[in-house]
């Protein structure tokens, strides 16, 4: 898994809180 953060693609840090999820998710 990767994430795009402020213009850069980086490996998804597994131990950080998930963000950018909506209430339904």
PDBML (XML) file of the C-alpha atoms, coordinates in Angstrom:
<?xml version="1.0" encoding="UTF-8" ?>
<PDBx:datablock datablockName="MODEL"
   xmlns:PDBx="http://pdbml.pdb.org/schema/pdbx-v50.xsd"
   xmlns:xsi="http://www.w3.org/2001/XMLSchema-instance"
   xsi:schemaLocation="http://pdbml.pdb.org/schema/pdbx-v50.xsd pdbx-v50.xsd">
   <PDBx:atom_siteCategory>
      <PDBx:atom_site id="1">
         <PDBx:B_iso_or_equiv>0.00</PDBx:B_iso_or_equiv>
         <PDBx:Cartn_x>0.000</PDBx:Cartn_x>
         <PDBx:Cartn_y>0.000</PDBx:Cartn_y>
         <PDBx:Cartn_z>0.000</PDBx:Cartn_z>
         <PDBx:auth_asym_id>A</PDBx:auth_asym_id>
         <PDBx:auth_atom_id>CA</PDBx:auth_atom_id>
         <PDBx:auth_comp_id>UNK</PDBx:auth_comp_id>
         <PDBx:auth_seq_id>1</PDBx:auth_seq_id>
         <PDBx:group_PDB>ATOM</PDBx:group_PDB>
         <PDBx:label_alt_id xsi:nil="true" />
         <PDBx:label_asym_id>A</PDBx:label_asym_id>
         <PDBx:label_atom_id>CA</PDBx:label_atom_id>
         <PDBx:label_comp_id>UNK</PDBx:label_comp_id>
         <PDBx:label_entity_id>1</PDBx:label_entity_id>
         <PDBx:label_seq_id>1</PDBx:label_seq_id>
         <PDBx:occupancy>1.00</PDBx:occupancy>
         <PDBx:pdbx_PDB_model_num>1</PDBx:pdbx_PDB_model_num>
         <PDBx:type_symbol>C</PDBx:type_symbol>
      </PDBx:atom_site>
      <PDBx:atom_site id="2">
         <PDBx:B_iso_or_equiv>0.00</PDBx:B_iso_or_equiv>
         <PDBx:Cartn_x>1.058</PDBx:Cartn_x>
         <PDBx:Cartn_y>3.534</PDBx:Cartn_y>
         <PDBx:Cartn_z>-0.849</PDBx:Cartn_z>
         <PDBx:auth_asym_id>A</PDBx:auth_asym_id>
         <PDBx:auth_atom_id>CA</PDBx:auth_atom_id>
         <PDBx:auth_comp_id>UNK</PDBx:auth_comp_id>
         <PDBx:auth_seq_id>2</PDBx:auth_seq_id>
         <PDBx:group_PDB>ATOM</PDBx:group_PDB>
         <PDBx:label_alt_id xsi:nil="true" />
         <PDBx:label_asym_id>A</PDBx:label_asym_id>
         <PDBx:label_atom_id>CA</PDBx:label_atom_id>
         <PDBx:label_comp_id>UNK</PDBx:label_comp_id>
         <PDBx:label_entity_id>1</PDBx:label_entity_id>
         <PDBx:label_seq_id>2</PDBx:label_seq_id>
         <PDBx:occupancy>1.00</PDBx:occupancy>
         <PDBx:pdbx_PDB_model_num>1</PDBx:pdbx_PDB_model_num>
         <PDBx:type_symbol>C</PDBx:type_symbol>
      </PDBx:atom_site>
      <PDBx:atom_site id="3">
         <PDBx:B_iso_or_equiv>0.00</PDBx:B_iso_or_equiv>
         <PDBx:Cartn_x>-0.422</PDBx:Cartn_x>
         <PDBx:Cartn_y>6.935</PDBx:Cartn_y>
         <PDBx:Cartn_z>-0.140</PDBx:Cartn_z>
         <PDBx:auth_asym_id>A</PDBx:auth_asym_id>
         <PDBx:auth_atom_id>CA</PDBx:auth_atom_id>
         <PDBx:auth_comp_id>UNK</PDBx:auth_comp_id>
         <PDBx:auth_seq_id>3</PDBx:auth_seq_id>
         <PDBx:group_PDB>ATOM</PDBx:group_PDB>
         <PDBx:label_alt_id xsi:nil="true" />
         <PDBx:label_asym_id>A</PDBx:label_asym_id>
         <PDBx:label_atom_id>CA</PDBx:label_atom_id>
         <PDBx:label_comp_id>UNK</PDBx:label_comp_id>
         <PDBx:label_entity_id>1</PDBx:label_entity_id>
         <PDBx:label_seq_id>3</PDBx:label_seq_id>
         <PDBx:occupancy>1.00</PDBx:occupancy>
         <PDBx:pdbx_PDB_model_num>1</PDBx:pdbx_PDB_model_num>
         <PDBx:type_symbol>C</PDBx:type_symbol>
      </PDBx:atom_site>
      <PDBx:atom_site id="4">
         <PDBx:B_iso_or_equiv>0.00</PDBx:B_iso_or_equiv>
         <PDBx:Cartn_x>-0.162</PDBx:Cartn_x>
         <PDBx:Cartn_y>10.294</PDBx:Cartn_y>
         <PDBx:Cartn_z>-1.851</PDBx:Cartn_z>
         <PDBx:auth_asym_id>A</PDBx:auth_asym_id>
         <PDBx:auth_atom_id>CA</PDBx:auth_atom_id>
         <PDBx:auth_comp_id>UNK</PDBx:auth_comp_id>
         <PDBx:auth_seq_id>4</PDBx:auth_seq_id>
         <PDBx:group_PDB>ATOM</PDBx:group_PDB>
         <PDBx:label_alt_id xsi:nil="true" />
         <PDBx:label_asym_id>A</PDBx:label_asym_id>
         <PDBx:label_atom_id>CA</PDBx:label_atom_id>
         <PDBx:label_comp_id>UNK</PDBx:label_comp_id>
         <PDBx:label_entity_id>1</PDBx:label_entity_id>
         <PDBx:label_seq_id>4</PDBx:label_seq_id>
         <PDBx:occupancy>1.00</PDBx:occupancy>
         <PDBx:pdbx_PDB_model_num>1</PDBx:pdbx_PDB_model_num>
         <PDBx:type_symbol>C</PDBx:type_symbol>
      </PDBx:atom_site>
      <PDBx:atom_site id="5">
         <PDBx:B_iso_or_equiv>0.00</PDBx:B_iso_or_equiv>
         <PDBx:Cartn_x>0.634</PDBx:Cartn_x>
         <PDBx:Cartn_y>13.016</PDBx:Cartn_y>
         <PDBx:Cartn_z>0.660</PDBx:Cartn_z>
         <PDBx:auth_asym_id>A</PDBx:auth_asym_id>
         <PDBx:auth_atom_id>CA</PDBx:auth_atom_id>
         <PDBx:auth_comp_id>UNK</PDBx:auth_comp_id>
         <PDBx:auth_seq_id>5</PDBx:auth_seq_id>
         <PDBx:group_PDB>ATOM</PDBx:group_PDB>
         <PDBx:label_alt_id xsi:nil="true" />
         <PDBx:label_asym_id>A</PDBx:label_asym_id>
         <PDBx:label_atom_id>CA</PDBx:label_atom_id>
         <PDBx:label_comp_id>UNK</PDBx:label_comp_id>
         <PDBx:label_entity_id>1</PDBx:label_entity_id>
         <PDBx:label_seq_id>5</PDBx:label_seq_id>
         <PDBx:occupancy>1.00</PDBx:occupancy>
         <PDBx:pdbx_PDB_model_num>1</PDBx:pdbx_PDB_model_num>
         <PDBx:type_symbol>C</PDBx:type_symbol>
      </PDBx:atom_site>
      <PDBx:atom_site id="6">
         <PDBx:B_iso_or_equiv>0.00</PDBx:B_iso_or_equiv>
         <PDBx:Cartn_x>1.105</PDBx:Cartn_x>
         <PDBx:Cartn_y>16.631</PDBx:Cartn_y>
         <PDBx:Cartn_z>-0.421</PDBx:Cartn_z>
         <PDBx:auth_asym_id>A</PDBx:auth_asym_id>
         <PDBx:auth_atom_id>CA</PDBx:auth_atom_id>
         <PDBx:auth_comp_id>UNK</PDBx:auth_comp_id>
         <PDBx:auth_seq_id>6</PDBx:auth_seq_id>
         <PDBx:group_PDB>ATOM</PDBx:group_PDB>
         <PDBx:label_alt_id xsi:nil="true" />
         <PDBx:label_asym_id>A</PDBx:label_asym_id>
         <PDBx:label_atom_id>CA</PDBx:label_atom_id>
         <PDBx:label_comp_id>UNK</PDBx:label_comp_id>
         <PDBx:label_entity_id>1</PDBx:label_entity_id>
         <PDBx:label_seq_id>6</PDBx:label_seq_id>
         <PDBx:occupancy>1.00</PDBx:occupancy>
         <PDBx:pdbx_PDB_model_num>1</PDBx:pdbx_PDB_model_num>
         <PDBx:type_symbol>C</PDBx:type_symbol>
      </PDBx:atom_site>
      <PDBx:atom_site id="7">
         <PDBx:B_iso_or_equiv>0.00</PDBx:B_iso_or_equiv>
         <PDBx:Cartn_x>2.222</PDBx:Cartn_x>
         <PDBx:Cartn_y>15.690</PDBx:Cartn_y>
         <PDBx:Cartn_z>-3.897</PDBx:Cartn_z>
         <PDBx:auth_asym_id>A</PDBx:auth_asym_id>
         <PDBx:auth_atom_id>CA</PDBx:auth_atom_id>
         <PDBx:auth_comp_id>UNK</PDBx:auth_comp_id>
         <PDBx:auth_seq_id>7</PDBx:auth_seq_id>
         <PDBx:group_PDB>ATOM</PDBx:group_PDB>
         <PDBx:label_alt_id xsi:nil="true" />
         <PDBx:label_asym_id>A</PDBx:label_asym_id>
         <PDBx:label_atom_id>CA</PDBx:label_atom_id>
         <PDBx:label_comp_id>UNK</PDBx:label_comp_id>
         <PDBx:label_entity_id>1</PDBx:label_entity_id>
         <PDBx:label_seq_id>7</PDBx:label_seq_id>
         <PDBx:occupancy>1.00</PDBx:occupancy>
         <PDBx:pdbx_PDB_model_num>1</PDBx:pdbx_PDB_model_num>
         <PDBx:type_symbol>C</PDBx:type_symbol>
      </PDBx:atom_site>
      <PDBx:atom_site id="8">
         <PDBx:B_iso_or_equiv>0.00</PDBx:B_iso_or_equiv>
         <PDBx:Cartn_x>4.481</PDBx:Cartn_x>
         <PDBx:Cartn_y>12.745</PDBx:Cartn_y>
         <PDBx:Cartn_z>-3.087</PDBx:Cartn_z>
         <PDBx:auth_asym_id>A</PDBx:auth_asym_id>
         <PDBx:auth_atom_id>CA</PDBx:auth_atom_id>
         <PDBx:auth_comp_id>UNK</PDBx:auth_comp_id>
         <PDBx:auth_seq_id>8</PDBx:auth_seq_id>
         <PDBx:group_PDB>ATOM</PDBx:group_PDB>
         <PDBx:label_alt_id xsi:nil="true" />
         <PDBx:label_asym_id>A</PDBx:label_asym_id>
         <PDBx:label_atom_id>CA</PDBx:label_atom_id>
         <PDBx:label_comp_id>UNK</PDBx:label_comp_id>
         <PDBx:label_entity_id>1</PDBx:label_entity_id>
         <PDBx:label_seq_id>8</PDBx:label_seq_id>
         <PDBx:occupancy>1.00</PDBx:occupancy>
         <PDBx:pdbx_PDB_model_num>1</PDBx:pdbx_PDB_model_num>
         <PDBx:type_symbol>C</PDBx:type_symbol>
      </PDBx:atom_site>
      <PDBx:atom_site id="9">
         <PDBx:B_iso_or_equiv>0.00</PDBx:B_iso_or_equiv>
         <PDBx:Cartn_x>3.838</PDBx:Cartn_x>
         <PDBx:Cartn_y>9.003</PDBx:Cartn_y>
         <PDBx:Cartn_z>-3.188</PDBx:Cartn_z>
         <PDBx:auth_asym_id>A</PDBx:auth_asym_id>
         <PDBx:auth_atom_id>CA</PDBx:auth_atom_id>
         <PDBx:auth_comp_id>UNK</PDBx:auth_comp_id>
         <PDBx:auth_seq_id>9</PDBx:auth_seq_id>
         <PDBx:group_PDB>ATOM</PDBx:group_PDB>
         <PDBx:label_alt_id xsi:nil="true" />
         <PDBx:label_asym_id>A</PDBx:label_asym_id>
         <PDBx:label_atom_id>CA</PDBx:label_atom_id>
         <PDBx:label_comp_id>UNK</PDBx:label_comp_id>
         <PDBx:label_entity_id>1</PDBx:label_entity_id>
         <PDBx:label_seq_id>9</PDBx:label_seq_id>
         <PDBx:occupancy>1.00</PDBx:occupancy>
         <PDBx:pdbx_PDB_model_num>1</PDBx:pdbx_PDB_model_num>
         <PDBx:type_symbol>C</PDBx:type_symbol>
      </PDBx:atom_site>
      <PDBx:atom_site id="10">
         <PDBx:B_iso_or_equiv>0.00</PDBx:B_iso_or_equiv>
         <PDBx:Cartn_x>5.158</PDBx:Cartn_x>
         <PDBx:Cartn_y>7.141</PDBx:Cartn_y>
         <PDBx:Cartn_z>-0.148</PDBx:Cartn_z>
         <PDBx:auth_asym_id>A</PDBx:auth_asym_id>
         <PDBx:auth_atom_id>CA</PDBx:auth_atom_id>
         <PDBx:auth_comp_id>UNK</PDBx:auth_comp_id>
         <PDBx:auth_seq_id>10</PDBx:auth_seq_id>
         <PDBx:group_PDB>ATOM</PDBx:group_PDB>
         <PDBx:label_alt_id xsi:nil="true" />
         <PDBx:label_asym_id>A</PDBx:label_asym_id>
         <PDBx:label_atom_id>CA</PDBx:label_atom_id>
         <PDBx:label_comp_id>UNK</PDBx:label_comp_id>
         <PDBx:label_entity_id>1</PDBx:label_entity_id>
         <PDBx:label_seq_id>10</PDBx:label_seq_id>
         <PDBx:occupancy>1.00</PDBx:occupancy>
         <PDBx:pdbx_PDB_model_num>1</PDBx:pdbx_PDB_model_num>
         <PDBx:type_symbol>C</PDBx:type_symbol>
      </PDBx:atom_site>
      <PDBx:atom_site id="11">
         <PDBx:B_iso_or_equiv>0.00</PDBx:B_iso_or_equiv>
         <PDBx:Cartn_x>4.704</PDBx:Cartn_x>
         <PDBx:Cartn_y>3.758</PDBx:Cartn_y>
         <PDBx:Cartn_z>1.532</PDBx:Cartn_z>
         <PDBx:auth_asym_id>A</PDBx:auth_asym_id>
         <PDBx:auth_atom_id>CA</PDBx:auth_atom_id>
         <PDBx:auth_comp_id>UNK</PDBx:auth_comp_id>
         <PDBx:auth_seq_id>11</PDBx:auth_seq_id>
         <PDBx:group_PDB>ATOM</PDBx:group_PDB>
         <PDBx:label_alt_id xsi:nil="true" />
         <PDBx:label_asym_id>A</PDBx:label_asym_id>
         <PDBx:label_atom_id>CA</PDBx:label_atom_id>
         <PDBx:label_comp_id>UNK</PDBx:label_comp_id>
         <PDBx:label_entity_id>1</PDBx:label_entity_id>
         <PDBx:label_seq_id>11</PDBx:label_seq_id>
         <PDBx:occupancy>1.00</PDBx:occupancy>
         <PDBx:pdbx_PDB_model_num>1</PDBx:pdbx_PDB_model_num>
         <PDBx:type_symbol>C</PDBx:type_symbol>
      </PDBx:atom_site>
      <PDBx:atom_site id="12">
         <PDBx:B_iso_or_equiv>0.00</PDBx:B_iso_or_equiv>
         <PDBx:Cartn_x>1.662</PDBx:Cartn_x>
         <PDBx:Cartn_y>3.701</PDBx:Cartn_y>
         <PDBx:Cartn_z>3.807</PDBx:Cartn_z>
         <PDBx:auth_asym_id>A</PDBx:auth_asym_id>
         <PDBx:auth_atom_id>CA</PDBx:auth_atom_id>
         <PDBx:auth_comp_id>UNK</PDBx:auth_comp_id>
         <PDBx:auth_seq_id>12</PDBx:auth_seq_id>
         <PDBx:group_PDB>ATOM</PDBx:group_PDB>
         <PDBx:label_alt_id xsi:nil="true" />
         <PDBx:label_asym_id>A</PDBx:label_asym_id>
         <PDBx:label_atom_id>CA</PDBx:label_atom_id>
         <PDBx:label_comp_id>UNK</PDBx:label_comp_id>
         <PDBx:label_entity_id>1</PDBx:label_entity_id>
         <PDBx:label_seq_id>12</PDBx:label_seq_id>
         <PDBx:occupancy>1.00</PDBx:occupancy>
         <PDBx:pdbx_PDB_model_num>1</PDBx:pdbx_PDB_model_num>
         <PDBx:type_symbol>C</PDBx:type_symbol>
      </PDBx:atom_site>
      <PDBx:atom_site id="13">
         <PDBx:B_iso_or_equiv>0.00</PDBx:B_iso_or_equiv>
         <PDBx:Cartn_x>2.886</PDBx:Cartn_x>
         <PDBx:Cartn_y>3.814</PDBx:Cartn_y>
         <PDBx:Cartn_z>7.439</PDBx:Cartn_z>
         <PDBx:auth_asym_id>A</PDBx:auth_asym_id>
         <PDBx:auth_atom_id>CA</PDBx:auth_atom_id>
         <PDBx:auth_comp_id>UNK</PDBx:auth_comp_id>
         <PDBx:auth_seq_id>13</PDBx:auth_seq_id>
         <PDBx:group_PDB>ATOM</PDBx:group_PDB>
         <PDBx:label_alt_id xsi:nil="true" />
         <PDBx:label_asym_id>A</PDBx:label_asym_id>
         <PDBx:label_atom_id>CA</PDBx:label_atom_id>
         <PDBx:label_comp_id>UNK</PDBx:label_comp_id>
         <PDBx:label_entity_id>1</PDBx:label_entity_id>
         <PDBx:label_seq_id>13</PDBx:label_seq_id>
         <PDBx:occupancy>1.00</PDBx:occupancy>
         <PDBx:pdbx_PDB_model_num>1</PDBx:pdbx_PDB_model_num>
         <PDBx:type_symbol>C</PDBx:type_symbol>
      </PDBx:atom_site>
      <PDBx:atom_site id="14">
         <PDBx:B_iso_or_equiv>0.00</PDBx:B_iso_or_equiv>
         <PDBx:Cartn_x>1.119</PDBx:Cartn_x>
         <PDBx:Cartn_y>0.857</PDBx:Cartn_y>
         <PDBx:Cartn_z>9.076</PDBx:Cartn_z>
         <PDBx:auth_asym_id>A</PDBx:auth_asym_id>
         <PDBx:auth_atom_id>CA</PDBx:auth_atom_id>
         <PDBx:auth_comp_id>UNK</PDBx:auth_comp_id>
         <PDBx:auth_seq_id>14</PDBx:auth_seq_id>
         <PDBx:group_PDB>ATOM</PDBx:group_PDB>
         <PDBx:label_alt_id xsi:nil="true" />
         <PDBx:label_asym_id>A</PDBx:label_asym_id>
         <PDBx:label_atom_id>CA</PDBx:label_atom_id>
         <PDBx:label_comp_id>UNK</PDBx:label_comp_id>
         <PDBx:label_entity_id>1</PDBx:label_entity_id>
         <PDBx:label_seq_id>14</PDBx:label_seq_id>
         <PDBx:occupancy>1.00</PDBx:occupancy>
         <PDBx:pdbx_PDB_model_num>1</PDBx:pdbx_PDB_model_num>
         <PDBx:type_symbol>C</PDBx:type_symbol>
      </PDBx:atom_site>
      <PDBx:atom_site id="15">
         <PDBx:B_iso_or_equiv>0.00</PDBx:B_iso_or_equiv>
         <PDBx:Cartn_x>1.132</PDBx:Cartn_x>
         <PDBx:Cartn_y>2.176</PDBx:Cartn_y>
         <PDBx:Cartn_z>12.644</PDBx:Cartn_z>
         <PDBx:auth_asym_id>A</PDBx:auth_asym_id>
         <PDBx:auth_atom_id>CA</PDBx:auth_atom_id>
         <PDBx:auth_comp_id>UNK</PDBx:auth_comp_id>
         <PDBx:auth_seq_id>15</PDBx:auth_seq_id>
         <PDBx:group_PDB>ATOM</PDBx:group_PDB>
         <PDBx:label_alt_id xsi:nil="true" />
         <PDBx:label_asym_id>A</PDBx:label_asym_id>
         <PDBx:label_atom_id>CA</PDBx:label_atom_id>
         <PDBx:label_comp_id>UNK</PDBx:label_comp_id>
         <PDBx:label_entity_id>1</PDBx:label_entity_id>
         <PDBx:label_seq_id>15</PDBx:label_seq_id>
         <PDBx:occupancy>1.00</PDBx:occupancy>
         <PDBx:pdbx_PDB_model_num>1</PDBx:pdbx_PDB_model_num>
         <PDBx:type_symbol>C</PDBx:type_symbol>
      </PDBx:atom_site>
      <PDBx:atom_site id="16">
         <PDBx:B_iso_or_equiv>0.00</PDBx:B_iso_or_equiv>
         <PDBx:Cartn_x>-0.233</PDBx:Cartn_x>
         <PDBx:Cartn_y>5.664</PDBx:Cartn_y>
         <PDBx:Cartn_z>11.973</PDBx:Cartn_z>
         <PDBx:auth_asym_id>A</PDBx:auth_asym_id>
         <PDBx:auth_atom_id>CA</PDBx:auth_atom_id>
         <PDBx:auth_comp_id>UNK</PDBx:auth_comp_id>
         <PDBx:auth_seq_id>16</PDBx:auth_seq_id>
         <PDBx:group_PDB>ATOM</PDBx:group_PDB>
         <PDBx:label_alt_id xsi:nil="true" />
         <PDBx:label_asym_id>A</PDBx:label_asym_id>
         <PDBx:label_atom_id>CA</PDBx:label_atom_id>
         <PDBx:label_comp_id>UNK</PDBx:label_comp_id>
         <PDBx:label_entity_id>1</PDBx:label_entity_id>
         <PDBx:label_seq_id>16</PDBx:label_seq_id>
         <PDBx:occupancy>1.00</PDBx:occupancy>
         <PDBx:pdbx_PDB_model_num>1</PDBx:pdbx_PDB_model_num>
         <PDBx:type_symbol>C</PDBx:type_symbol>
      </PDBx:atom_site>
      <PDBx:atom_site id="17">
         <PDBx:B_iso_or_equiv>0.00</PDBx:B_iso_or_equiv>
         <PDBx:Cartn_x>-3.930</PDBx:Cartn_x>
         <PDBx:Cartn_y>6.392</PDBx:Cartn_y>
         <PDBx:Cartn_z>12.513</PDBx:Cartn_z>
         <PDBx:auth_asym_id>A</PDBx:auth_asym_id>
         <PDBx:auth_atom_id>CA</PDBx:auth_atom_id>
         <PDBx:auth_comp_id>UNK</PDBx:auth_comp_id>
         <PDBx:auth_seq_id>17</PDBx:auth_seq_id>
         <PDBx:group_PDB>ATOM</PDBx:group_PDB>
         <PDBx:label_alt_id xsi:nil="true" />
         <PDBx:label_asym_id>A</PDBx:label_asym_id>
         <PDBx:label_atom_id>CA</PDBx:label_atom_id>
         <PDBx:label_comp_id>UNK</PDBx:label_comp_id>
         <PDBx:label_entity_id>1</PDBx:label_entity_id>
         <PDBx:label_seq_id>17</PDBx:label_seq_id>
         <PDBx:occupancy>1.00</PDBx:occupancy>
         <PDBx:pdbx_PDB_model_num>1</PDBx:pdbx_PDB_model_num>
         <PDBx:type_symbol>C</PDBx:type_symbol>
      </PDBx:atom_site>
      <PDBx:atom_site id="18">
         <PDBx:B_iso_or_equiv>0.00</PDBx:B_iso_or_equiv>
         <PDBx:Cartn_x>-5.872</PDBx:Cartn_x>
         <PDBx:Cartn_y>6.038</PDBx:Cartn_y>
         <PDBx:Cartn_z>9.288</PDBx:Cartn_z>
         <PDBx:auth_asym_id>A</PDBx:auth_asym_id>
         <PDBx:auth_atom_id>CA</PDBx:auth_atom_id>
         <PDBx:auth_comp_id>UNK</PDBx:auth_comp_id>
         <PDBx:auth_seq_id>18</PDBx:auth_seq_id>
         <PDBx:group_PDB>ATOM</PDBx:group_PDB>
         <PDBx:label_alt_id xsi:nil="true" />
         <PDBx:label_asym_id>A</PDBx:label_asym_id>
         <PDBx:label_atom_id>CA</PDBx:label_atom_id>
         <PDBx:label_comp_id>UNK</PDBx:label_comp_id>
         <PDBx:label_entity_id>1</PDBx:label_entity_id>
         <PDBx:label_seq_id>18</PDBx:label_seq_id>
         <PDBx:occupancy>1.00</PDBx:occupancy>
         <PDBx:pdbx_PDB_model_num>1</PDBx:pdbx_PDB_model_num>
         <PDBx:type_symbol>C</PDBx:type_symbol>
      </PDBx:atom_site>
      <PDBx:atom_site id="19">
         <PDBx:B_iso_or_equiv>0.00</PDBx:B_iso_or_equiv>
         <PDBx:Cartn_x>-7.037</PDBx:Cartn_x>
         <PDBx:Cartn_y>9.370</PDBx:Cartn_y>
         <PDBx:Cartn_z>7.873</PDBx:Cartn_z>
         <PDBx:auth_asym_id>A</PDBx:auth_asym_id>
         <PDBx:auth_atom_id>CA</PDBx:auth_atom_id>
         <PDBx:auth_comp_id>UNK</PDBx:auth_comp_id>
         <PDBx:auth_seq_id>19</PDBx:auth_seq_id>
         <PDBx:group_PDB>ATOM</PDBx:group_PDB>
         <PDBx:label_alt_id xsi:nil="true" />
         <PDBx:label_asym_id>A</PDBx:label_asym_id>
         <PDBx:label_atom_id>CA</PDBx:label_atom_id>
         <PDBx:label_comp_id>UNK</PDBx:label_comp_id>
         <PDBx:label_entity_id>1</PDBx:label_entity_id>
         <PDBx:label_seq_id>19</PDBx:label_seq_id>
         <PDBx:occupancy>1.00</PDBx:occupancy>
         <PDBx:pdbx_PDB_model_num>1</PDBx:pdbx_PDB_model_num>
         <PDBx:type_symbol>C</PDBx:type_symbol>
      </PDBx:atom_site>
      <PDBx:atom_site id="20">
         <PDBx:B_iso_or_equiv>0.00</PDBx:B_iso_or_equiv>
         <PDBx:Cartn_x>-9.109</PDBx:Cartn_x>
         <PDBx:Cartn_y>10.621</PDBx:Cartn_y>
         <PDBx:Cartn_z>4.939</PDBx:Cartn_z>
         <PDBx:auth_asym_id>A</PDBx:auth_asym_id>
         <PDBx:auth_atom_id>CA</PDBx:auth_atom_id>
         <PDBx:auth_comp_id>UNK</PDBx:auth_comp_id>
         <PDBx:auth_seq_id>20</PDBx:auth_seq_id>
         <PDBx:group_PDB>ATOM</PDBx:group_PDB>
         <PDBx:label_alt_id xsi:nil="true" />
         <PDBx:label_asym_id>A</PDBx:label_asym_id>
         <PDBx:label_atom_id>CA</PDBx:label_atom_id>
         <PDBx:label_comp_id>UNK</PDBx:label_comp_id>
         <PDBx:label_entity_id>1</PDBx:label_entity_id>
         <PDBx:label_seq_id>20</PDBx:label_seq_id>
         <PDBx:occupancy>1.00</PDBx:occupancy>
         <PDBx:pdbx_PDB_model_num>1</PDBx:pdbx_PDB_model_num>
         <PDBx:type_symbol>C</PDBx:type_symbol>
      </PDBx:atom_site>
      <PDBx:atom_site id="21">
         <PDBx:B_iso_or_equiv>0.00</PDBx:B_iso_or_equiv>
         <PDBx:Cartn_x>-11.968</PDBx:Cartn_x>
         <PDBx:Cartn_y>8.237</PDBx:Cartn_y>
         <PDBx:Cartn_z>5.643</PDBx:Cartn_z>
         <PDBx:auth_asym_id>A</PDBx:auth_asym_id>
         <PDBx:auth_atom_id>CA</PDBx:auth_atom_id>
         <PDBx:auth_comp_id>UNK</PDBx:auth_comp_id>
         <PDBx:auth_seq_id>21</PDBx:auth_seq_id>
         <PDBx:group_PDB>ATOM</PDBx:group_PDB>
         <PDBx:label_alt_id xsi:nil="true" />
         <PDBx:label_asym_id>A</PDBx:label_asym_id>
         <PDBx:label_atom_id>CA</PDBx:label_atom_id>
         <PDBx:label_comp_id>UNK</PDBx:label_comp_id>
         <PDBx:label_entity_id>1</PDBx:label_entity_id>
         <PDBx:label_seq_id>21</PDBx:label_seq_id>
         <PDBx:occupancy>1.00</PDBx:occupancy>
         <PDBx:pdbx_PDB_model_num>1</PDBx:pdbx_PDB_model_num>
         <PDBx:type_symbol>C</PDBx:type_symbol>
      </PDBx:atom_site>
      <PDBx:atom_site id="22">
         <PDBx:B_iso_or_equiv>0.00</PDBx:B_iso_or_equiv>
         <PDBx:Cartn_x>-15.569</PDBx:Cartn_x>
         <PDBx:Cartn_y>9.407</PDBx:Cartn_y>
         <PDBx:Cartn_z>5.635</PDBx:Cartn_z>
         <PDBx:auth_asym_id>A</PDBx:auth_asym_id>
         <PDBx:auth_atom_id>CA</PDBx:auth_atom_id>
         <PDBx:auth_comp_id>UNK</PDBx:auth_comp_id>
         <PDBx:auth_seq_id>22</PDBx:auth_seq_id>
         <PDBx:group_PDB>ATOM</PDBx:group_PDB>
         <PDBx:label_alt_id xsi:nil="true" />
         <PDBx:label_asym_id>A</PDBx:label_asym_id>
         <PDBx:label_atom_id>CA</PDBx:label_atom_id>
         <PDBx:label_comp_id>UNK</PDBx:label_comp_id>
         <PDBx:label_entity_id>1</PDBx:label_entity_id>
         <PDBx:label_seq_id>22</PDBx:label_seq_id>
         <PDBx:occupancy>1.00</PDBx:occupancy>
         <PDBx:pdbx_PDB_model_num>1</PDBx:pdbx_PDB_model_num>
         <PDBx:type_symbol>C</PDBx:type_symbol>
      </PDBx:atom_site>
      <PDBx:atom_site id="23">
         <PDBx:B_iso_or_equiv>0.00</PDBx:B_iso_or_equiv>
         <PDBx:Cartn_x>-18.131</PDBx:Cartn_x>
         <PDBx:Cartn_y>8.612</PDBx:Cartn_y>
         <PDBx:Cartn_z>8.326</PDBx:Cartn_z>
         <PDBx:auth_asym_id>A</PDBx:auth_asym_id>
         <PDBx:auth_atom_id>CA</PDBx:auth_atom_id>
         <PDBx:auth_comp_id>UNK</PDBx:auth_comp_id>
         <PDBx:auth_seq_id>23</PDBx:auth_seq_id>
         <PDBx:group_PDB>ATOM</PDBx:group_PDB>
         <PDBx:label_alt_id xsi:nil="true" />
         <PDBx:label_asym_id>A</PDBx:label_asym_id>
         <PDBx:label_atom_id>CA</PDBx:label_atom_id>
         <PDBx:label_comp_id>UNK</PDBx:label_comp_id>
         <PDBx:label_entity_id>1</PDBx:label_entity_id>
         <PDBx:label_seq_id>23</PDBx:label_seq_id>
         <PDBx:occupancy>1.00</PDBx:occupancy>
         <PDBx:pdbx_PDB_model_num>1</PDBx:pdbx_PDB_model_num>
         <PDBx:type_symbol>C</PDBx:type_symbol>
      </PDBx:atom_site>
      <PDBx:atom_site id="24">
         <PDBx:B_iso_or_equiv>0.00</PDBx:B_iso_or_equiv>
         <PDBx:Cartn_x>-19.661</PDBx:Cartn_x>
         <PDBx:Cartn_y>5.822</PDBx:Cartn_y>
         <PDBx:Cartn_z>6.248</PDBx:Cartn_z>
         <PDBx:auth_asym_id>A</PDBx:auth_asym_id>
         <PDBx:auth_atom_id>CA</PDBx:auth_atom_id>
         <PDBx:auth_comp_id>UNK</PDBx:auth_comp_id>
         <PDBx:auth_seq_id>24</PDBx:auth_seq_id>
         <PDBx:group_PDB>ATOM</PDBx:group_PDB>
         <PDBx:label_alt_id xsi:nil="true" />
         <PDBx:label_asym_id>A</PDBx:label_asym_id>
         <PDBx:label_atom_id>CA</PDBx:label_atom_id>
         <PDBx:label_comp_id>UNK</PDBx:label_comp_id>
         <PDBx:label_entity_id>1</PDBx:label_entity_id>
         <PDBx:label_seq_id>24</PDBx:label_seq_id>
         <PDBx:occupancy>1.00</PDBx:occupancy>
         <PDBx:pdbx_PDB_model_num>1</PDBx:pdbx_PDB_model_num>
         <PDBx:type_symbol>C</PDBx:type_symbol>
      </PDBx:atom_site>
      <PDBx:atom_site id="25">
         <PDBx:B_iso_or_equiv>0.00</PDBx:B_iso_or_equiv>
         <PDBx:Cartn_x>-16.267</PDBx:Cartn_x>
         <PDBx:Cartn_y>4.119</PDBx:Cartn_y>
         <PDBx:Cartn_z>5.897</PDBx:Cartn_z>
         <PDBx:auth_asym_id>A</PDBx:auth_asym_id>
         <PDBx:auth_atom_id>CA</PDBx:auth_atom_id>
         <PDBx:auth_comp_id>UNK</PDBx:auth_comp_id>
         <PDBx:auth_seq_id>25</PDBx:auth_seq_id>
         <PDBx:group_PDB>ATOM</PDBx:group_PDB>
         <PDBx:label_alt_id xsi:nil="true" />
         <PDBx:label_asym_id>A</PDBx:label_asym_id>
         <PDBx:label_atom_id>CA</PDBx:label_atom_id>
         <PDBx:label_comp_id>UNK</PDBx:label_comp_id>
         <PDBx:label_entity_id>1</PDBx:label_entity_id>
         <PDBx:label_seq_id>25</PDBx:label_seq_id>
         <PDBx:occupancy>1.00</PDBx:occupancy>
         <PDBx:pdbx_PDB_model_num>1</PDBx:pdbx_PDB_model_num>
         <PDBx:type_symbol>C</PDBx:type_symbol>
      </PDBx:atom_site>
   </PDBx:atom_siteCategory>
</PDBx:datablock>
